[in-house]
């Protein structure tokens, strides 16, 4: 992603292009990341439903996983996971 200079921003920082949020990968802000225990996961989708960044996607086999390019590590998915299949672990860099 290119860095913008102040004079290149739109007035009020209005987003003029639809779908441009894909350019803003925010996963490098994260200090912890979600890790799924597939044996406990019931594929209920609560993690997907509550993710504020829409960074959790359903895989072809029905299980869910985080797209770490966009996951900020907030832990809401782990908090809402009723079968306790998601654990937040410290990010290693």
PDB file of N, CA and C in Angstrom:
ATOM      1  N   UNK A   1       0.841  -1.169   0.000  1.00  0.00           N
ATOM      2  CA  UNK A   1       0.000   0.000   0.000  1.00  0.00           C
ATOM      3  C   UNK A   1       0.887   1.233   0.000  1.00  0.00           C
ATOM      4  N   UNK A   2       0.572   2.160  -0.848  1.00  0.00           N
ATOM      5  CA  UNK A   2       1.308   3.398  -0.900  1.00  0.00           C
ATOM      6  C   UNK A   2       0.886   4.310   0.249  1.00  0.00           C
ATOM      7  N   UNK A   3       1.809   5.104   0.715  1.00  0.00           N
ATOM      8  CA  UNK A   3       1.498   6.076   1.755  1.00  0.00           C
ATOM      9  C   UNK A   3       0.958   7.334   1.081  1.00  0.00           C
ATOM     10  N   UNK A   4      -0.118   7.853   1.651  1.00  0.00           N
ATOM     11  CA  UNK A   4      -0.714   9.072   1.115  1.00  0.00           C
ATOM     12  C   UNK A   4      -0.129  10.283   1.807  1.00  0.00           C
ATOM     13  N   UNK A   5      -0.010  11.342   1.081  1.00  0.00           N
ATOM     14  CA  UNK A   5       0.353  12.632   1.666  1.00  0.00           C
ATOM     15  C   UNK A   5      -0.967  13.346   1.985  1.00  0.00           C
ATOM     16  N   UNK A   6      -0.931  14.300   2.907  1.00  0.00           N
ATOM     17  CA  UNK A   6      -2.163  14.940   3.367  1.00  0.00           C
ATOM     18  C   UNK A   6      -2.944  15.551   2.217  1.00  0.00           C
ATOM     19  N   UNK A   7      -2.267  16.118   1.214  1.00  0.00           N
ATOM     20  CA  UNK A   7      -2.975  16.797   0.129  1.00  0.00           C
ATOM     21  C   UNK A   7      -3.555  15.812  -0.892  1.00  0.00           C
ATOM     22  N   UNK A   8      -3.233  14.524  -0.758  1.00  0.00           N
ATOM     23  CA  UNK A   8      -3.788  13.512  -1.653  1.00  0.00           C
ATOM     24  C   UNK A   8      -5.077  12.900  -1.104  1.00  0.00           C
ATOM     25  N   UNK A   9      -5.389  13.191   0.170  1.00  0.00           N
ATOM     26  CA  UNK A   9      -6.596  12.634   0.777  1.00  0.00           C
ATOM     27  C   UNK A   9      -7.830  13.358   0.273  1.00  0.00           C
ATOM     28  N   UNK A  10      -8.945  12.662   0.227  1.00  0.00           N
ATOM     29  CA  UNK A  10     -10.205  13.293  -0.164  1.00  0.00           C
ATOM     30  C   UNK A  10     -10.713  14.157   0.979  1.00  0.00           C
ATOM     31  N   UNK A  11     -11.544  15.132   0.670  1.00  0.00           N
ATOM     32  CA  UNK A  11     -12.114  16.002   1.698  1.00  0.00           C
ATOM     33  C   UNK A  11     -12.935  15.148   2.654  1.00  0.00           C
ATOM     34  N   UNK A  12     -12.655  15.283   3.936  1.00  0.00           N
ATOM     35  CA  UNK A  12     -13.358  14.504   4.949  1.00  0.00           C
ATOM     36  C   UNK A  12     -12.959  13.039   4.929  1.00  0.00           C
ATOM     37  N   UNK A  13     -11.913  12.699   4.195  1.00  0.00           N
ATOM     38  CA  UNK A  13     -11.444  11.304   4.048  1.00  0.00           C
ATOM     39  C   UNK A  13     -12.568  10.393   3.545  1.00  0.00           C
ATOM     40  N   UNK A  14     -13.421  10.941   2.687  1.00  0.00           N
ATOM     41  CA  UNK A  14     -14.514  10.176   2.108  1.00  0.00           C
ATOM     42  C   UNK A  14     -13.951   9.088   1.185  1.00  0.00           C
ATOM     43  N   UNK A  15     -14.477   7.899   1.298  1.00  0.00           N
ATOM     44  CA  UNK A  15     -14.060   6.796   0.441  1.00  0.00           C
ATOM     45  C   UNK A  15     -14.831   6.895  -0.867  1.00  0.00           C
ATOM     46  N   UNK A  16     -14.127   7.078  -1.947  1.00  0.00           N
ATOM     47  CA  UNK A  16     -14.777   7.277  -3.242  1.00  0.00           C
ATOM     48  C   UNK A  16     -14.837   6.008  -4.079  1.00  0.00           C
ATOM     49  N   UNK A  17     -14.026   5.009  -3.737  1.00  0.00           N
ATOM     50  CA  UNK A  17     -14.014   3.766  -4.507  1.00  0.00           C
ATOM     51  C   UNK A  17     -14.622   2.648  -3.671  1.00  0.00           C
ATOM     52  N   UNK A  18     -15.542   1.922  -4.252  1.00  0.00           N
ATOM     53  CA  UNK A  18     -16.173   0.808  -3.566  1.00  0.00           C
ATOM     54  C   UNK A  18     -15.172  -0.338  -3.448  1.00  0.00           C
ATOM     55  N   UNK A  19     -15.115  -0.958  -2.260  1.00  0.00           N
ATOM     56  CA  UNK A  19     -14.287  -2.143  -2.064  1.00  0.00           C
ATOM     57  C   UNK A  19     -12.811  -1.875  -1.888  1.00  0.00           C
ATOM     58  N   UNK A  20     -12.423  -0.645  -1.649  1.00  0.00           N
ATOM     59  CA  UNK A  20     -10.992  -0.379  -1.527  1.00  0.00           C
ATOM     60  C   UNK A  20     -10.424  -0.782  -0.171  1.00  0.00           C
ATOM     61  N   UNK A  21     -11.246  -1.221   0.763  1.00  0.00           N
ATOM     62  CA  UNK A  21     -10.742  -1.635   2.072  1.00  0.00           C
ATOM     63  C   UNK A  21      -9.827  -2.850   1.961  1.00  0.00           C
ATOM     64  N   UNK A  22      -9.924  -3.595   0.870  1.00  0.00           N
ATOM     65  CA  UNK A  22      -9.055  -4.756   0.681  1.00  0.00           C
ATOM     66  C   UNK A  22      -7.588  -4.335   0.590  1.00  0.00           C
ATOM     67  N   UNK A  23      -7.345  -3.091   0.220  1.00  0.00           N
ATOM     68  CA  UNK A  23      -5.971  -2.597   0.109  1.00  0.00           C
ATOM     69  C   UNK A  23      -5.326  -2.382   1.479  1.00  0.00           C
ATOM     70  N   UNK A  24      -6.154  -2.185   2.500  1.00  0.00           N
ATOM     71  CA  UNK A  24      -5.641  -1.808   3.813  1.00  0.00           C
ATOM     72  C   UNK A  24      -5.502  -3.032   4.711  1.00  0.00           C
ATOM     73  N   UNK A  25      -4.411  -3.722   4.552  1.00  0.00           N
ATOM     74  CA  UNK A  25      -4.154  -4.900   5.382  1.00  0.00           C
ATOM     75  C   UNK A  25      -3.716  -4.414   6.755  1.00  0.00           C
ATOM     76  N   UNK A  26      -4.497  -4.799   7.762  1.00  0.00           N
ATOM     77  CA  UNK A  26      -4.301  -4.270   9.103  1.00  0.00           C
ATOM     78  C   UNK A  26      -3.793  -5.322  10.082  1.00  0.00           C
ATOM     79  N   UNK A  27      -3.459  -6.486   9.581  1.00  0.00           N
ATOM     80  CA  UNK A  27      -3.046  -7.571  10.466  1.00  0.00           C
ATOM     81  C   UNK A  27      -1.734  -7.343  11.175  1.00  0.00           C
ATOM     82  N   UNK A  28      -0.918  -6.435  10.688  1.00  0.00           N
ATOM     83  CA  UNK A  28       0.375  -6.235  11.351  1.00  0.00           C
ATOM     84  C   UNK A  28       0.253  -5.417  12.629  1.00  0.00           C
ATOM     85  N   UNK A  29      -0.956  -4.960  12.974  1.00  0.00           N
ATOM     86  CA  UNK A  29      -1.178  -4.263  14.237  1.00  0.00           C
ATOM     87  C   UNK A  29      -1.295  -5.261  15.385  1.00  0.00           C
ATOM     88  N   UNK A  30      -1.547  -6.490  15.053  1.00  0.00           N
ATOM     89  CA  UNK A  30      -1.958  -7.512  16.005  1.00  0.00           C
ATOM     90  C   UNK A  30      -0.813  -7.899  16.952  1.00  0.00           C
ATOM     91  N   UNK A  31      -1.167  -8.121  18.237  1.00  0.00           N
ATOM     92  CA  UNK A  31      -0.193  -8.651  19.195  1.00  0.00           C
ATOM     93  C   UNK A  31      -0.517 -10.093  19.557  1.00  0.00           C
ATOM     94  N   UNK A  32      -1.756 -10.523  19.288  1.00  0.00           N
ATOM     95  CA  UNK A  32      -2.119 -11.928  19.481  1.00  0.00           C
ATOM     96  C   UNK A  32      -3.028 -12.347  18.331  1.00  0.00           C
ATOM     97  N   UNK A  33      -3.076 -13.643  18.070  1.00  0.00           N
ATOM     98  CA  UNK A  33      -3.866 -14.130  16.949  1.00  0.00           C
ATOM     99  C   UNK A  33      -4.737 -15.320  17.388  1.00  0.00           C
ATOM    100  N   UNK A  34      -5.862 -15.524  16.715  1.00  0.00           N
ATOM    101  CA  UNK A  34      -6.728 -16.652  17.071  1.00  0.00           C
ATOM    102  C   UNK A  34      -6.212 -17.946  16.453  1.00  0.00           C
ATOM    103  N   UNK A  35      -6.281 -19.004  17.246  1.00  0.00           N
ATOM    104  CA  UNK A  35      -5.905 -20.337  16.771  1.00  0.00           C
ATOM    105  C   UNK A  35      -7.079 -21.258  17.073  1.00  0.00           C
ATOM    106  N   UNK A  36      -7.540 -21.988  16.058  1.00  0.00           N
ATOM    107  CA  UNK A  36      -8.698 -22.864  16.206  1.00  0.00           C
ATOM    108  C   UNK A  36      -8.274 -24.273  16.595  1.00  0.00           C
ATOM    109  N   UNK A  37      -9.076 -24.876  17.464  1.00  0.00           N
ATOM    110  CA  UNK A  37      -8.957 -26.312  17.748  1.00  0.00           C
ATOM    111  C   UNK A  37     -10.071 -26.967  16.940  1.00  0.00           C
ATOM    112  N   UNK A  38      -9.720 -27.607  15.842  1.00  0.00           N
ATOM    113  CA  UNK A  38     -10.719 -28.141  14.910  1.00  0.00           C
ATOM    114  C   UNK A  38     -11.537 -29.261  15.525  1.00  0.00           C
ATOM    115  N   UNK A  39     -11.017 -29.924  16.548  1.00  0.00           N
ATOM    116  CA  UNK A  39     -11.785 -30.996  17.200  1.00  0.00           C
ATOM    117  C   UNK A  39     -12.923 -30.425  18.046  1.00  0.00           C
ATOM    118  N   UNK A  40     -12.752 -29.214  18.552  1.00  0.00           N
ATOM    119  CA  UNK A  40     -13.800 -28.577  19.357  1.00  0.00           C
ATOM    120  C   UNK A  40     -14.758 -27.744  18.508  1.00  0.00           C
ATOM    121  N   UNK A  41     -14.319 -27.283  17.350  1.00  0.00           N
ATOM    122  CA  UNK A  41     -15.132 -26.399  16.515  1.00  0.00           C
ATOM    123  C   UNK A  41     -16.371 -27.128  16.002  1.00  0.00           C
ATOM    124  N   UNK A  42     -17.521 -26.484  16.167  1.00  0.00           N
ATOM    125  CA  UNK A  42     -18.781 -27.081  15.713  1.00  0.00           C
ATOM    126  C   UNK A  42     -19.279 -26.437  14.418  1.00  0.00           C
ATOM    127  N   UNK A  43     -18.476 -25.564  13.831  1.00  0.00           N
ATOM    128  CA  UNK A  43     -18.823 -24.853  12.591  1.00  0.00           C
ATOM    129  C   UNK A  43     -20.065 -23.976  12.779  1.00  0.00           C
ATOM    130  N   UNK A  44     -20.284 -23.474  13.997  1.00  0.00           N
ATOM    131  CA  UNK A  44     -21.482 -22.680  14.282  1.00  0.00           C
ATOM    132  C   UNK A  44     -21.436 -21.309  13.615  1.00  0.00           C
ATOM    133  N   UNK A  45     -20.232 -20.788  13.395  1.00  0.00           N
ATOM    134  CA  UNK A  45     -20.097 -19.506  12.713  1.00  0.00           C
ATOM    135  C   UNK A  45     -20.212 -18.291  13.609  1.00  0.00           C
ATOM    136  N   UNK A  46     -20.276 -18.473  14.924  1.00  0.00           N
ATOM    137  CA  UNK A  46     -20.350 -17.308  15.813  1.00  0.00           C
ATOM    138  C   UNK A  46     -19.106 -16.427  15.680  1.00  0.00           C
ATOM    139  N   UNK A  47     -17.962 -17.044  15.490  1.00  0.00           N
ATOM    140  CA  UNK A  47     -16.729 -16.263  15.315  1.00  0.00           C
ATOM    141  C   UNK A  47     -16.859 -15.370  14.082  1.00  0.00           C
ATOM    142  N   UNK A  48     -17.378 -15.905  13.013  1.00  0.00           N
ATOM    143  CA  UNK A  48     -17.581 -15.143  11.779  1.00  0.00           C
ATOM    144  C   UNK A  48     -18.593 -14.022  12.007  1.00  0.00           C
ATOM    145  N   UNK A  49     -19.664 -14.349  12.723  1.00  0.00           N
ATOM    146  CA  UNK A  49     -20.736 -13.389  12.951  1.00  0.00           C
ATOM    147  C   UNK A  49     -20.275 -12.193  13.778  1.00  0.00           C
ATOM    148  N   UNK A  50     -19.464 -12.443  14.799  1.00  0.00           N
ATOM    149  CA  UNK A  50     -19.072 -11.374  15.708  1.00  0.00           C
ATOM    150  C   UNK A  50     -17.782 -10.665  15.321  1.00  0.00           C
ATOM    151  N   UNK A  51     -17.058 -11.139  14.351  1.00  0.00           N
ATOM    152  CA  UNK A  51     -15.789 -10.504  13.974  1.00  0.00           C
ATOM    153  C   UNK A  51     -16.061  -9.089  13.461  1.00  0.00           C
ATOM    154  N   UNK A  52     -15.543  -8.056  14.152  1.00  0.00           N
ATOM    155  CA  UNK A  52     -15.821  -6.686  13.731  1.00  0.00           C
ATOM    156  C   UNK A  52     -15.093  -6.278  12.455  1.00  0.00           C
ATOM    157  N   UNK A  53     -14.116  -7.053  12.048  1.00  0.00           N
ATOM    158  CA  UNK A  53     -13.337  -6.701  10.865  1.00  0.00           C
ATOM    159  C   UNK A  53     -13.651  -7.581   9.661  1.00  0.00           C
ATOM    160  N   UNK A  54     -14.590  -8.484   9.797  1.00  0.00           N
ATOM    161  CA  UNK A  54     -14.933  -9.419   8.730  1.00  0.00           C
ATOM    162  C   UNK A  54     -13.679 -10.144   8.229  1.00  0.00           C
ATOM    163  N   UNK A  55     -12.819 -10.489   9.173  1.00  0.00           N
ATOM    164  CA  UNK A  55     -11.578 -11.161   8.787  1.00  0.00           C
ATOM    165  C   UNK A  55     -11.660 -12.669   8.932  1.00  0.00           C
ATOM    166  N   UNK A  56     -12.812 -13.187   9.344  1.00  0.00           N
ATOM    167  CA  UNK A  56     -12.973 -14.641   9.462  1.00  0.00           C
ATOM    168  C   UNK A  56     -13.776 -15.131   8.269  1.00  0.00           C
ATOM    169  N   UNK A  57     -13.257 -16.172   7.665  1.00  0.00           N
ATOM    170  CA  UNK A  57     -13.889 -16.725   6.459  1.00  0.00           C
ATOM    171  C   UNK A  57     -14.149 -18.203   6.656  1.00  0.00           C
ATOM    172  N   UNK A  58     -15.173 -18.680   5.968  1.00  0.00           N
ATOM    173  CA  UNK A  58     -15.494 -20.101   6.031  1.00  0.00           C
ATOM    174  C   UNK A  58     -14.701 -20.832   4.956  1.00  0.00           C
ATOM    175  N   UNK A  59     -14.076 -21.924   5.362  1.00  0.00           N
ATOM    176  CA  UNK A  59     -13.307 -22.736   4.425  1.00  0.00           C
ATOM    177  C   UNK A  59     -14.244 -23.669   3.672  1.00  0.00           C
ATOM    178  N   UNK A  60     -13.754 -24.335   2.665  1.00  0.00           N
ATOM    179  CA  UNK A  60     -14.557 -25.264   1.872  1.00  0.00           C
ATOM    180  C   UNK A  60     -15.104 -26.410   2.713  1.00  0.00           C
ATOM    181  N   UNK A  61     -14.379 -26.804   3.776  1.00  0.00           N
ATOM    182  CA  UNK A  61     -14.836 -27.906   4.625  1.00  0.00           C
ATOM    183  C   UNK A  61     -15.813 -27.452   5.710  1.00  0.00           C
ATOM    184  N   UNK A  62     -16.186 -26.176   5.709  1.00  0.00           N
ATOM    185  CA  UNK A  62     -17.182 -25.678   6.657  1.00  0.00           C
ATOM    186  C   UNK A  62     -16.591 -25.064   7.910  1.00  0.00           C
ATOM    187  N   UNK A  63     -15.316 -25.311   8.179  1.00  0.00           N
ATOM    188  CA  UNK A  63     -14.678 -24.700   9.336  1.00  0.00           C
ATOM    189  C   UNK A  63     -14.335 -23.243   8.998  1.00  0.00           C
ATOM    190  N   UNK A  64     -14.053 -22.495  10.041  1.00  0.00           N
ATOM    191  CA  UNK A  64     -13.734 -21.080   9.876  1.00  0.00           C
ATOM    192  C   UNK A  64     -12.271 -20.838  10.218  1.00  0.00           C
ATOM    193  N   UNK A  65     -11.710 -19.804   9.638  1.00  0.00           N
ATOM    194  CA  UNK A  65     -10.349 -19.399   9.964  1.00  0.00           C
ATOM    195  C   UNK A  65     -10.219 -17.906   9.736  1.00  0.00           C
ATOM    196  N   UNK A  66      -9.243 -17.323  10.406  1.00  0.00           N
ATOM    197  CA  UNK A  66      -9.026 -15.882  10.290  1.00  0.00           C
ATOM    198  C   UNK A  66      -8.076 -15.601   9.137  1.00  0.00           C
ATOM    199  N   UNK A  67      -8.386 -14.549   8.410  1.00  0.00           N
ATOM    200  CA  UNK A  67      -7.457 -14.035   7.414  1.00  0.00           C
ATOM    201  C   UNK A  67      -6.534 -13.092   8.176  1.00  0.00           C
ATOM    202  N   UNK A  68      -5.325 -13.533   8.414  1.00  0.00           N
ATOM    203  CA  UNK A  68      -4.410 -12.789   9.278  1.00  0.00           C
ATOM    204  C   UNK A  68      -3.903 -11.502   8.638  1.00  0.00           C
ATOM    205  N   UNK A  69      -4.195 -11.290   7.371  1.00  0.00           N
ATOM    206  CA  UNK A  69      -3.861 -10.004   6.754  1.00  0.00           C
ATOM    207  C   UNK A  69      -4.757  -8.895   7.298  1.00  0.00           C
ATOM    208  N   UNK A  70      -5.940  -9.283   7.833  1.00  0.00           N
ATOM    209  CA  UNK A  70      -6.904  -8.285   8.286  1.00  0.00           C
ATOM    210  C   UNK A  70      -7.267  -8.418   9.771  1.00  0.00           C
ATOM    211  N   UNK A  71      -6.987  -9.554  10.388  1.00  0.00           N
ATOM    212  CA  UNK A  71      -7.313  -9.771  11.804  1.00  0.00           C
ATOM    213  C   UNK A  71      -6.444  -8.869  12.672  1.00  0.00           C
ATOM    214  N   UNK A  72      -7.092  -8.112  13.574  1.00  0.00           N
ATOM    215  CA  UNK A  72      -6.351  -7.221  14.474  1.00  0.00           C
ATOM    216  C   UNK A  72      -6.101  -7.870  15.826  1.00  0.00           C
ATOM    217  N   UNK A  73      -6.585  -9.091  16.017  1.00  0.00           N
ATOM    218  CA  UNK A  73      -6.328  -9.805  17.263  1.00  0.00           C
ATOM    219  C   UNK A  73      -7.138  -9.303  18.434  1.00  0.00           C
ATOM    220  N   UNK A  74      -8.339  -8.833  18.181  1.00  0.00           N
ATOM    221  CA  UNK A  74      -9.160  -8.272  19.264  1.00  0.00           C
ATOM    222  C   UNK A  74      -9.646  -9.351  20.228  1.00  0.00           C
ATOM    223  N   UNK A  75      -9.778 -10.584  19.763  1.00  0.00           N
ATOM    224  CA  UNK A  75     -10.183 -11.679  20.636  1.00  0.00           C
ATOM    225  C   UNK A  75     -11.677 -11.859  20.790  1.00  0.00           C
ATOM    226  N   UNK A  76     -12.468 -11.080  20.086  1.00  0.00           N
ATOM    227  CA  UNK A  76     -13.925 -11.230  20.193  1.00  0.00           C
ATOM    228  C   UNK A  76     -14.346 -12.619  19.723  1.00  0.00           C
ATOM    229  N   UNK A  77     -13.719 -13.136  18.697  1.00  0.00           N
ATOM    230  CA  UNK A  77     -14.054 -14.474  18.201  1.00  0.00           C
ATOM    231  C   UNK A  77     -13.860 -15.515  19.306  1.00  0.00           C
ATOM    232  N   UNK A  78     -12.751 -15.421  20.030  1.00  0.00           N
ATOM    233  CA  UNK A  78     -12.481 -16.377  21.105  1.00  0.00           C
ATOM    234  C   UNK A  78     -13.466 -16.200  22.250  1.00  0.00           C
ATOM    235  N   UNK A  79     -13.827 -14.952  22.532  1.00  0.00           N
ATOM    236  CA  UNK A  79     -14.768 -14.675  23.621  1.00  0.00           C
ATOM    237  C   UNK A  79     -16.160 -15.215  23.300  1.00  0.00           C
ATOM    238  N   UNK A  80     -16.579 -15.128  22.050  1.00  0.00           N
ATOM    239  CA  UNK A  80     -17.926 -15.556  21.659  1.00  0.00           C
ATOM    240  C   UNK A  80     -18.008 -17.040  21.307  1.00  0.00           C
ATOM    241  N   UNK A  81     -16.890 -17.706  21.183  1.00  0.00           N
ATOM    242  CA  UNK A  81     -16.876 -19.119  20.792  1.00  0.00           C
ATOM    243  C   UNK A  81     -17.395 -19.996  21.937  1.00  0.00           C
ATOM    244  N   UNK A  82     -18.612 -20.491  21.794  1.00  0.00           N
ATOM    245  CA  UNK A  82     -19.245 -21.273  22.868  1.00  0.00           C
ATOM    246  C   UNK A  82     -18.539 -22.604  23.117  1.00  0.00           C
ATOM    247  N   UNK A  83     -18.053 -23.316  22.089  1.00  0.00           N
ATOM    248  CA  UNK A  83     -17.334 -24.578  22.365  1.00  0.00           C
ATOM    249  C   UNK A  83     -15.883 -24.369  22.818  1.00  0.00           C
ATOM    250  N   UNK A  84     -15.472 -23.105  22.967  1.00  0.00           N
ATOM    251  CA  UNK A  84     -14.102 -22.752  23.380  1.00  0.00           C
ATOM    252  C   UNK A  84     -13.078 -23.403  22.441  1.00  0.00           C
ATOM    253  N   UNK A  85     -13.326 -23.252  21.158  1.00  0.00           N
ATOM    254  CA  UNK A  85     -12.445 -23.822  20.141  1.00  0.00           C
ATOM    255  C   UNK A  85     -11.373 -22.846  19.691  1.00  0.00           C
ATOM    256  N   UNK A  86     -11.487 -21.592  20.109  1.00  0.00           N
ATOM    257  CA  UNK A  86     -10.527 -20.579  19.673  1.00  0.00           C
ATOM    258  C   UNK A  86      -9.730 -20.088  20.879  1.00  0.00           C
ATOM    259  N   UNK A  87      -8.436 -20.079  20.711  1.00  0.00           N
ATOM    260  CA  UNK A  87      -7.533 -19.581  21.743  1.00  0.00           C
ATOM    261  C   UNK A  87      -6.709 -18.453  21.143  1.00  0.00           C
ATOM    262  N   UNK A  88      -6.552 -17.397  21.882  1.00  0.00           N
ATOM    263  CA  UNK A  88      -5.695 -16.304  21.433  1.00  0.00           C
ATOM    264  C   UNK A  88      -4.279 -16.594  21.905  1.00  0.00           C
ATOM    265  N   UNK A  89      -3.351 -16.578  20.958  1.00  0.00           N
ATOM    266  CA  UNK A  89      -1.951 -16.829  21.302  1.00  0.00           C
ATOM    267  C   UNK A  89      -1.123 -15.609  20.893  1.00  0.00           C
ATOM    268  N   UNK A  90      -0.051 -15.404  21.612  1.00  0.00           N
ATOM    269  CA  UNK A  90       0.804 -14.256  21.333  1.00  0.00           C
ATOM    270  C   UNK A  90       1.413 -14.381  19.946  1.00  0.00           C
ATOM    271  N   UNK A  91       1.387 -13.281  19.239  1.00  0.00           N
ATOM    272  CA  UNK A  91       1.941 -13.240  17.894  1.00  0.00           C
ATOM    273  C   UNK A  91       3.463 -13.258  17.960  1.00  0.00           C
ATOM    274  N   UNK A  92       4.076 -14.068  17.144  1.00  0.00           N
ATOM    275  CA  UNK A  92       5.540 -14.099  17.061  1.00  0.00           C
ATOM    276  C   UNK A  92       5.965 -13.387  15.801  1.00  0.00           C
ATOM    277  N   UNK A  93       6.904 -12.507  15.914  1.00  0.00           N
ATOM    278  CA  UNK A  93       7.394 -11.740  14.752  1.00  0.00           C
ATOM    279  C   UNK A  93       8.853 -12.003  14.511  1.00  0.00           C
TER     280      UNK A  93
END
